[in-house]
Amino acid sequence: MGKIETSYGYPKASDAGISNAVELNGFSHSDYTHQSLTAKAVIFYIDGADTFGACTLVYQEATSSAGYQIWFGSDTKATNPDCR
C-alpha cells in the first residue's frame, strides 16, 4: 500500500493506482490492453489462474470525470458470472 495515482479523481489502472487502492487477496493481476477497450485496464484473476473466464475482474481506467468501469469477464463483459 502506498500513494494512489489517479486519473480524473479515480485510481489509475496500474500497480500504483487500483492495485494500491483495494485489497484483493486470492487474486493475481496484470495490465491489459485490448483493441475493443478505450482505456488502460487491469485484470484480476482468481487464484492466480492468469486465464480469462466469467470470474475475471476487469477494472478500466477513467477517461473523463464520468468515471471508471468495472466488470466480470474479459472485454466482452460477462452479464452473469458463475464463479463456482
PDB file of N, CA and C in Angstrom:
ATOM      1  N   MET A   1       0.858  -1.171   0.000  1.00  0.00           N
ATOM      2  CA  MET A   1       0.000   0.000   0.000  1.00  0.00           C
ATOM      3  C   MET A   1       0.897   1.225   0.000  1.00  0.00           C
ATOM      4  N   GLY A   2       0.460   2.253  -0.641  1.00  0.00           N
ATOM      5  CA  GLY A   2       1.223   3.482  -0.711  1.00  0.00           C
ATOM      6  C   GLY A   2       0.391   4.553  -1.360  1.00  0.00           C
ATOM      7  N   LYS A   3       1.046   5.482  -1.992  1.00  0.00           N
ATOM      8  CA  LYS A   3       0.369   6.552  -2.716  1.00  0.00           C
ATOM      9  C   LYS A   3      -0.495   5.945  -3.826  1.00  0.00           C
ATOM     10  N   ILE A   4      -1.692   6.499  -4.017  1.00  0.00           N
ATOM     11  CA  ILE A   4      -2.587   6.006  -5.052  1.00  0.00           C
ATOM     12  C   ILE A   4      -2.634   7.024  -6.180  1.00  0.00           C
ATOM     13  N   GLU A   5      -2.106   6.644  -7.343  1.00  0.00           N
ATOM     14  CA  GLU A   5      -2.139   7.524  -8.508  1.00  0.00           C
ATOM     15  C   GLU A   5      -3.549   7.538  -9.083  1.00  0.00           C
ATOM     16  N   THR A   6      -4.004   8.715  -9.518  1.00  0.00           N
ATOM     17  CA  THR A   6      -5.366   8.838 -10.020  1.00  0.00           C
ATOM     18  C   THR A   6      -5.415   9.459 -11.411  1.00  0.00           C
ATOM     19  N   SER A   7      -6.541   9.254 -12.062  1.00  0.00           N
ATOM     20  CA  SER A   7      -6.867   9.864 -13.342  1.00  0.00           C
ATOM     21  C   SER A   7      -8.312  10.344 -13.224  1.00  0.00           C
ATOM     22  N   TYR A   8      -8.538  11.622 -13.370  1.00  0.00           N
ATOM     23  CA  TYR A   8      -9.865  12.215 -13.210  1.00  0.00           C
ATOM     24  C   TYR A   8     -10.452  11.922 -11.830  1.00  0.00           C
ATOM     25  N   GLY A   9      -9.591  11.779 -10.822  1.00  0.00           N
ATOM     26  CA  GLY A   9     -10.049  11.553  -9.461  1.00  0.00           C
ATOM     27  C   GLY A   9     -10.302  10.101  -9.098  1.00  0.00           C
ATOM     28  N   TYR A  10     -10.059   9.173 -10.020  1.00  0.00           N
ATOM     29  CA  TYR A  10     -10.256   7.740  -9.791  1.00  0.00           C
ATOM     30  C   TYR A  10      -8.909   7.035  -9.904  1.00  0.00           C
ATOM     31  N   PRO A  11      -8.732   5.877  -9.235  1.00  0.00           N
ATOM     32  CA  PRO A  11      -7.450   5.168  -9.339  1.00  0.00           C
ATOM     33  C   PRO A  11      -7.112   4.813 -10.781  1.00  0.00           C
ATOM     34  N   LYS A  12      -5.832   4.986 -11.134  1.00  0.00           N
ATOM     35  CA  LYS A  12      -5.363   4.574 -12.460  1.00  0.00           C
ATOM     36  C   LYS A  12      -5.343   3.049 -12.543  1.00  0.00           C
ATOM     37  N   ALA A  13      -5.350   2.535 -13.737  1.00  0.00           N
ATOM     38  CA  ALA A  13      -5.267   1.094 -13.974  1.00  0.00           C
ATOM     39  C   ALA A  13      -3.793   0.692 -13.956  1.00  0.00           C
ATOM     40  N   SER A  14      -3.228   0.602 -12.742  1.00  0.00           N
ATOM     41  CA  SER A  14      -1.805   0.303 -12.579  1.00  0.00           C
ATOM     42  C   SER A  14      -1.546  -0.201 -11.163  1.00  0.00           C
ATOM     43  N   ASP A  15      -0.317  -0.670 -10.922  1.00  0.00           N
ATOM     44  CA  ASP A  15       0.067  -1.086  -9.571  1.00  0.00           C
ATOM     45  C   ASP A  15       0.000   0.087  -8.597  1.00  0.00           C
ATOM     46  N   ALA A  16       0.347   1.279  -9.064  1.00  0.00           N
ATOM     47  CA  ALA A  16       0.338   2.462  -8.194  1.00  0.00           C
ATOM     48  C   ALA A  16      -1.056   3.083  -8.096  1.00  0.00           C
ATOM     49  N   GLY A  17      -2.021   2.543  -8.806  1.00  0.00           N
ATOM     50  CA  GLY A  17      -3.383   3.061  -8.793  1.00  0.00           C
ATOM     51  C   GLY A  17      -4.332   2.099  -8.108  1.00  0.00           C
ATOM     52  N   ILE A  18      -5.120   1.360  -8.907  1.00  0.00           N
ATOM     53  CA  ILE A  18      -6.150   0.474  -8.361  1.00  0.00           C
ATOM     54  C   ILE A  18      -5.563  -0.628  -7.480  1.00  0.00           C
ATOM     55  N   SER A  19      -4.388  -1.118  -7.811  1.00  0.00           N
ATOM     56  CA  SER A  19      -3.788  -2.191  -7.012  1.00  0.00           C
ATOM     57  C   SER A  19      -3.409  -1.721  -5.612  1.00  0.00           C
ATOM     58  N   ASN A  20      -3.110  -0.436  -5.448  1.00  0.00           N
ATOM     59  CA  ASN A  20      -2.852   0.121  -4.125  1.00  0.00           C
ATOM     60  C   ASN A  20      -4.140   0.526  -3.416  1.00  0.00           C
ATOM     61  N   ALA A  21      -5.211   0.726  -4.172  1.00  0.00           N
ATOM     62  CA  ALA A  21      -6.450   1.248  -3.604  1.00  0.00           C
ATOM     63  C   ALA A  21      -7.348   0.170  -3.001  1.00  0.00           C
ATOM     64  N   VAL A  22      -7.228  -1.068  -3.459  1.00  0.00           N
ATOM     65  CA  VAL A  22      -8.127  -2.127  -2.989  1.00  0.00           C
ATOM     66  C   VAL A  22      -7.342  -3.337  -2.501  1.00  0.00           C
ATOM     67  N   GLU A  23      -7.961  -4.104  -1.641  1.00  0.00           N
ATOM     68  CA  GLU A  23      -7.380  -5.353  -1.141  1.00  0.00           C
ATOM     69  C   GLU A  23      -8.088  -6.500  -1.849  1.00  0.00           C
ATOM     70  N   LEU A  24      -7.360  -7.270  -2.620  1.00  0.00           N
ATOM     71  CA  LEU A  24      -7.936  -8.385  -3.358  1.00  0.00           C
ATOM     72  C   LEU A  24      -7.118  -9.653  -3.125  1.00  0.00           C
ATOM     73  N   ASN A  25      -7.135 -10.155  -1.900  1.00  0.00           N
ATOM     74  CA  ASN A  25      -6.447 -11.409  -1.595  1.00  0.00           C
ATOM     75  C   ASN A  25      -7.037 -12.529  -2.444  1.00  0.00           C
ATOM     76  N   GLY A  26      -6.195 -13.414  -2.920  1.00  0.00           N
ATOM     77  CA  GLY A  26      -6.644 -14.524  -3.740  1.00  0.00           C
ATOM     78  C   GLY A  26      -6.695 -14.204  -5.225  1.00  0.00           C
ATOM     79  N   PHE A  27      -6.322 -12.976  -5.591  1.00  0.00           N
ATOM     80  CA  PHE A  27      -6.305 -12.586  -6.989  1.00  0.00           C
ATOM     81  C   PHE A  27      -4.881 -12.228  -7.399  1.00  0.00           C
ATOM     82  N   SER A  28      -4.492 -12.602  -8.606  1.00  0.00           N
ATOM     83  CA  SER A  28      -3.287 -12.056  -9.208  1.00  0.00           C
ATOM     84  C   SER A  28      -3.784 -11.034 -10.227  1.00  0.00           C
ATOM     85  N   HIS A  29      -2.893 -10.212 -10.765  1.00  0.00           N
ATOM     86  CA  HIS A  29      -3.352  -9.205 -11.707  1.00  0.00           C
ATOM     87  C   HIS A  29      -2.289  -8.889 -12.742  1.00  0.00           C
ATOM     88  N   SER A  30      -2.743  -8.283 -13.828  1.00  0.00           N
ATOM     89  CA  SER A  30      -1.825  -7.840 -14.872  1.00  0.00           C
ATOM     90  C   SER A  30      -2.438  -6.665 -15.615  1.00  0.00           C
ATOM     91  N   ASP A  31      -1.571  -5.847 -16.215  1.00  0.00           N
ATOM     92  CA  ASP A  31      -2.048  -4.771 -17.075  1.00  0.00           C
ATOM     93  C   ASP A  31      -2.673  -5.402 -18.305  1.00  0.00           C
ATOM     94  N   TYR A  32      -3.616  -4.697 -18.896  1.00  0.00           N
ATOM     95  CA  TYR A  32      -4.327  -5.269 -20.026  1.00  0.00           C
ATOM     96  C   TYR A  32      -4.641  -4.191 -21.047  1.00  0.00           C
ATOM     97  N   THR A  33      -4.383  -4.479 -22.288  1.00  0.00           N
ATOM     98  CA  THR A  33      -4.768  -3.598 -23.375  1.00  0.00           C
ATOM     99  C   THR A  33      -5.437  -4.459 -24.439  1.00  0.00           C
ATOM    100  N   HIS A  34      -6.577  -4.029 -24.891  1.00  0.00           N
ATOM    101  CA  HIS A  34      -7.287  -4.749 -25.938  1.00  0.00           C
ATOM    102  C   HIS A  34      -7.881  -3.722 -26.881  1.00  0.00           C
ATOM    103  N   GLN A  35      -7.908  -4.028 -28.150  1.00  0.00           N
ATOM    104  CA  GLN A  35      -8.364  -3.060 -29.145  1.00  0.00           C
ATOM    105  C   GLN A  35      -9.802  -2.604 -28.921  1.00  0.00           C
ATOM    106  N   SER A  36     -10.635  -3.415 -28.256  1.00  0.00           N
ATOM    107  CA  SER A  36     -12.026  -3.012 -28.050  1.00  0.00           C
ATOM    108  C   SER A  36     -12.206  -2.108 -26.832  1.00  0.00           C
ATOM    109  N   LEU A  37     -11.171  -1.965 -26.012  1.00  0.00           N
ATOM    110  CA  LEU A  37     -11.261  -1.099 -24.844  1.00  0.00           C
ATOM    111  C   LEU A  37     -10.728   0.280 -25.190  1.00  0.00           C
ATOM    112  N   THR A  38     -11.355   1.305 -24.644  1.00  0.00           N
ATOM    113  CA  THR A  38     -10.952   2.671 -24.960  1.00  0.00           C
ATOM    114  C   THR A  38      -9.956   3.235 -23.961  1.00  0.00           C
ATOM    115  N   ALA A  39      -9.634   2.497 -22.908  1.00  0.00           N
ATOM    116  CA  ALA A  39      -8.700   2.985 -21.896  1.00  0.00           C
ATOM    117  C   ALA A  39      -7.908   1.822 -21.322  1.00  0.00           C
ATOM    118  N   LYS A  40      -6.832   2.150 -20.645  1.00  0.00           N
ATOM    119  CA  LYS A  40      -5.988   1.155 -19.992  1.00  0.00           C
ATOM    120  C   LYS A  40      -6.801   0.406 -18.937  1.00  0.00           C
ATOM    121  N   ALA A  41      -6.524  -0.864 -18.756  1.00  0.00           N
ATOM    122  CA  ALA A  41      -7.266  -1.680 -17.800  1.00  0.00           C
ATOM    123  C   ALA A  41      -6.309  -2.587 -17.031  1.00  0.00           C
ATOM    124  N   VAL A  42      -6.771  -3.065 -15.883  1.00  0.00           N
ATOM    125  CA  VAL A  42      -6.068  -4.077 -15.101  1.00  0.00           C
ATOM    126  C   VAL A  42      -7.020  -5.246 -14.949  1.00  0.00           C
ATOM    127  N   ILE A  43      -6.503  -6.452 -15.133  1.00  0.00           N
ATOM    128  CA  ILE A  43      -7.302  -7.655 -14.994  1.00  0.00           C
ATOM    129  C   ILE A  43      -6.874  -8.372 -13.722  1.00  0.00           C
ATOM    130  N   PHE A  44      -7.862  -8.765 -12.926  1.00  0.00           N
ATOM    131  CA  PHE A  44      -7.618  -9.528 -11.707  1.00  0.00           C
ATOM    132  C   PHE A  44      -8.112 -10.946 -11.943  1.00  0.00           C
ATOM    133  N   TYR A  45      -7.210 -11.917 -11.755  1.00  0.00           N
ATOM    134  CA  TYR A  45      -7.518 -13.335 -11.958  1.00  0.00           C
ATOM    135  C   TYR A  45      -7.690 -14.011 -10.606  1.00  0.00           C
ATOM    136  N   ILE A  46      -8.691 -14.882 -10.490  1.00  0.00           N
ATOM    137  CA  ILE A  46      -8.909 -15.620  -9.254  1.00  0.00           C
ATOM    138  C   ILE A  46      -7.831 -16.682  -9.094  1.00  0.00           C
ATOM    139  N   ASP A  47      -7.249 -16.748  -7.899  1.00  0.00           N
ATOM    140  CA  ASP A  47      -6.270 -17.777  -7.535  1.00  0.00           C
ATOM    141  C   ASP A  47      -5.105 -17.902  -8.503  1.00  0.00           C
ATOM    142  N   GLY A  48      -4.715 -16.805  -9.125  1.00  0.00           N
ATOM    143  CA  GLY A  48      -3.535 -16.810  -9.982  1.00  0.00           C
ATOM    144  C   GLY A  48      -3.689 -17.603 -11.264  1.00  0.00           C
ATOM    145  N   ALA A  49      -4.919 -17.810 -11.723  1.00  0.00           N
ATOM    146  CA  ALA A  49      -5.155 -18.644 -12.907  1.00  0.00           C
ATOM    147  C   ALA A  49      -4.588 -18.030 -14.182  1.00  0.00           C
ATOM    148  N   ASP A  50      -4.496 -16.695 -14.256  1.00  0.00           N
ATOM    149  CA  ASP A  50      -3.979 -15.994 -15.432  1.00  0.00           C
ATOM    150  C   ASP A  50      -4.680 -16.379 -16.728  1.00  0.00           C
ATOM    151  N   THR A  51      -5.955 -16.726 -16.638  1.00  0.00           N
ATOM    152  CA  THR A  51      -6.743 -17.001 -17.834  1.00  0.00           C
ATOM    153  C   THR A  51      -8.087 -16.279 -17.718  1.00  0.00           C
ATOM    154  N   PHE A  52      -8.644 -15.886 -18.854  1.00  0.00           N
ATOM    155  CA  PHE A  52      -9.947 -15.237 -18.850  1.00  0.00           C
ATOM    156  C   PHE A  52     -11.029 -16.234 -18.505  1.00  0.00           C
ATOM    157  N   GLY A  53     -12.049 -15.740 -17.890  1.00  0.00           N
ATOM    158  CA  GLY A  53     -13.214 -16.546 -17.574  1.00  0.00           C
ATOM    159  C   GLY A  53     -14.301 -15.636 -17.034  1.00  0.00           C
ATOM    160  N   ALA A  54     -15.434 -16.216 -16.723  1.00  0.00           N
ATOM    161  CA  ALA A  54     -16.560 -15.427 -16.237  1.00  0.00           C
ATOM    162  C   ALA A  54     -16.228 -14.694 -14.947  1.00  0.00           C
ATOM    163  N   CYS A  55     -15.282 -15.189 -14.176  1.00  0.00           N
ATOM    164  CA  CYS A  55     -14.944 -14.575 -12.889  1.00  0.00           C
ATOM    165  C   CYS A  55     -13.716 -13.680 -12.950  1.00  0.00           C
ATOM    166  N   THR A  56     -13.209 -13.421 -14.126  1.00  0.00           N
ATOM    167  CA  THR A  56     -12.114 -12.476 -14.283  1.00  0.00           C
ATOM    168  C   THR A  56     -12.678 -11.088 -14.024  1.00  0.00           C
ATOM    169  N   LEU A  57     -12.047 -10.326 -13.151  1.00  0.00           N
ATOM    170  CA  LEU A  57     -12.497  -8.976 -12.814  1.00  0.00           C
ATOM    171  C   LEU A  57     -11.654  -7.972 -13.585  1.00  0.00           C
ATOM    172  N   VAL A  58     -12.301  -7.080 -14.326  1.00  0.00           N
ATOM    173  CA  VAL A  58     -11.596  -6.089 -15.136  1.00  0.00           C
ATOM    174  C   VAL A  58     -11.914  -4.690 -14.605  1.00  0.00           C
ATOM    175  N   TYR A  59     -10.877  -3.899 -14.387  1.00  0.00           N
ATOM    176  CA  TYR A  59     -11.012  -2.505 -13.983  1.00  0.00           C
ATOM    177  C   TYR A  59     -10.451  -1.652 -15.109  1.00  0.00           C
ATOM    178  N   GLN A  60     -11.291  -0.797 -15.695  1.00  0.00           N
ATOM    179  CA  GLN A  60     -10.853   0.078 -16.781  1.00  0.00           C
ATOM    180  C   GLN A  60     -10.747   1.502 -16.266  1.00  0.00           C
ATOM    181  N   GLU A  61      -9.592   2.105 -16.485  1.00  0.00           N
ATOM    182  CA  GLU A  61      -9.284   3.449 -16.008  1.00  0.00           C
ATOM    183  C   GLU A  61     -10.251   4.494 -16.549  1.00  0.00           C
ATOM    184  N   ALA A  62     -10.526   5.507 -15.749  1.00  0.00           N
ATOM    185  CA  ALA A  62     -11.385   6.624 -16.168  1.00  0.00           C
ATOM    186  C   ALA A  62     -10.721   7.404 -17.299  1.00  0.00           C
ATOM    187  N   THR A  63     -11.527   7.787 -18.276  1.00  0.00           N
ATOM    188  CA  THR A  63     -11.034   8.627 -19.368  1.00  0.00           C
ATOM    189  C   THR A  63     -11.660  10.018 -19.309  1.00  0.00           C
ATOM    190  N   SER A  64     -12.528  10.230 -18.329  1.00  0.00           N
ATOM    191  CA  SER A  64     -13.157  11.529 -18.100  1.00  0.00           C
ATOM    192  C   SER A  64     -13.681  11.547 -16.671  1.00  0.00           C
ATOM    193  N   SER A  65     -14.270  12.650 -16.277  1.00  0.00           N
ATOM    194  CA  SER A  65     -14.818  12.727 -14.923  1.00  0.00           C
ATOM    195  C   SER A  65     -16.045  11.836 -14.758  1.00  0.00           C
ATOM    196  N   ALA A  66     -16.524  11.220 -15.848  1.00  0.00           N
ATOM    197  CA  ALA A  66     -17.650  10.289 -15.771  1.00  0.00           C
ATOM    198  C   ALA A  66     -17.272   9.017 -15.018  1.00  0.00           C
ATOM    199  N   GLY A  67     -15.984   8.724 -14.902  1.00  0.00           N
ATOM    200  CA  GLY A  67     -15.538   7.622 -14.054  1.00  0.00           C
ATOM    201  C   GLY A  67     -14.963   6.414 -14.757  1.00  0.00           C
ATOM    202  N   TYR A  68     -14.696   5.412 -13.942  1.00  0.00           N
ATOM    203  CA  TYR A  68     -14.095   4.156 -14.370  1.00  0.00           C
ATOM    204  C   TYR A  68     -15.190   3.153 -14.724  1.00  0.00           C
ATOM    205  N   GLN A  69     -14.763   1.992 -15.244  1.00  0.00           N
ATOM    206  CA  GLN A  69     -15.680   0.876 -15.469  1.00  0.00           C
ATOM    207  C   GLN A  69     -15.101  -0.353 -14.799  1.00  0.00           C
ATOM    208  N   ILE A  70     -15.965  -1.203 -14.306  1.00  0.00           N
ATOM    209  CA  ILE A  70     -15.537  -2.464 -13.693  1.00  0.00           C
ATOM    210  C   ILE A  70     -16.559  -3.529 -14.073  1.00  0.00           C
ATOM    211  N   TRP A  71     -16.056  -4.721 -14.443  1.00  0.00           N
ATOM    212  CA  TRP A  71     -16.968  -5.790 -14.831  1.00  0.00           C
ATOM    213  C   TRP A  71     -16.279  -7.135 -14.685  1.00  0.00           C
ATOM    214  N   PHE A  72     -17.072  -8.195 -14.759  1.00  0.00           N
ATOM    215  CA  PHE A  72     -16.567  -9.565 -14.778  1.00  0.00           C
ATOM    216  C   PHE A  72     -16.521 -10.031 -16.216  1.00  0.00           C
ATOM    217  N   GLY A  73     -15.582 -10.893 -16.522  1.00  0.00           N
ATOM    218  CA  GLY A  73     -15.417 -11.434 -17.864  1.00  0.00           C
ATOM    219  C   GLY A  73     -14.134 -10.904 -18.454  1.00  0.00           C
ATOM    220  N   SER A  74     -14.086 -10.742 -19.745  1.00  0.00           N
ATOM    221  CA  SER A  74     -12.918 -10.155 -20.403  1.00  0.00           C
ATOM    222  C   SER A  74     -13.378  -8.836 -21.005  1.00  0.00           C
ATOM    223  N   ASP A  75     -13.012  -8.556 -22.223  1.00  0.00           N
ATOM    224  CA  ASP A  75     -13.500  -7.340 -22.871  1.00  0.00           C
ATOM    225  C   ASP A  75     -14.954  -7.495 -23.302  1.00  0.00           C
ATOM    226  N   THR A  76     -15.521  -8.711 -23.134  1.00  0.00           N
ATOM    227  CA  THR A  76     -16.902  -8.961 -23.540  1.00  0.00           C
ATOM    228  C   THR A  76     -17.911  -8.671 -22.432  1.00  0.00           C
ATOM    229  N   LYS A  77     -17.470  -8.381 -21.225  1.00  0.00           N
ATOM    230  CA  LYS A  77     -18.327  -8.002 -20.100  1.00  0.00           C
ATOM    231  C   LYS A  77     -19.408  -9.040 -19.811  1.00  0.00           C
ATOM    232  N   ALA A  78     -19.042 -10.123 -19.147  1.00  0.00           N
ATOM    233  CA  ALA A  78     -19.989 -11.182 -18.783  1.00  0.00           C
ATOM    234  C   ALA A  78     -21.131 -10.601 -17.946  1.00  0.00           C
ATOM    235  N   THR A  79     -22.361 -10.954 -18.286  1.00  0.00           N
ATOM    236  CA  THR A  79     -23.507 -10.409 -17.560  1.00  0.00           C
ATOM    237  C   THR A  79     -23.924 -11.292 -16.387  1.00  0.00           C
ATOM    238  N   ASN A  80     -23.607 -12.555 -16.425  1.00  0.00           N
ATOM    239  CA  ASN A  80     -23.958 -13.460 -15.344  1.00  0.00           C
ATOM    240  C   ASN A  80     -22.753 -14.310 -14.957  1.00  0.00           C
ATOM    241  N   PRO A  81     -21.796 -13.729 -14.222  1.00  0.00           N
ATOM    242  CA  PRO A  81     -20.603 -14.501 -13.876  1.00  0.00           C
ATOM    243  C   PRO A  81     -20.952 -15.699 -12.992  1.00  0.00           C
ATOM    244  N   ASP A  82     -20.332 -16.825 -13.251  1.00  0.00           N
ATOM    245  CA  ASP A  82     -20.520 -18.043 -12.464  1.00  0.00           C
ATOM    246  C   ASP A  82     -19.152 -18.452 -11.944  1.00  0.00           C
ATOM    247  N   CYS A  83     -18.898 -18.140 -10.693  1.00  0.00           N
ATOM    248  CA  CYS A  83     -17.557 -18.323 -10.127  1.00  0.00           C
ATOM    249  C   CYS A  83     -17.426 -19.589  -9.290  1.00  0.00           C
ATOM    250  N   ARG A  84     -18.244 -20.570  -9.522  1.00  0.00           N
ATOM    251  CA  ARG A  84     -18.172 -21.797  -8.725  1.00  0.00           C
ATOM    252  C   ARG A  84     -17.115 -22.710  -9.226  1.00  0.00           C
TER     253      ARG A  84
END
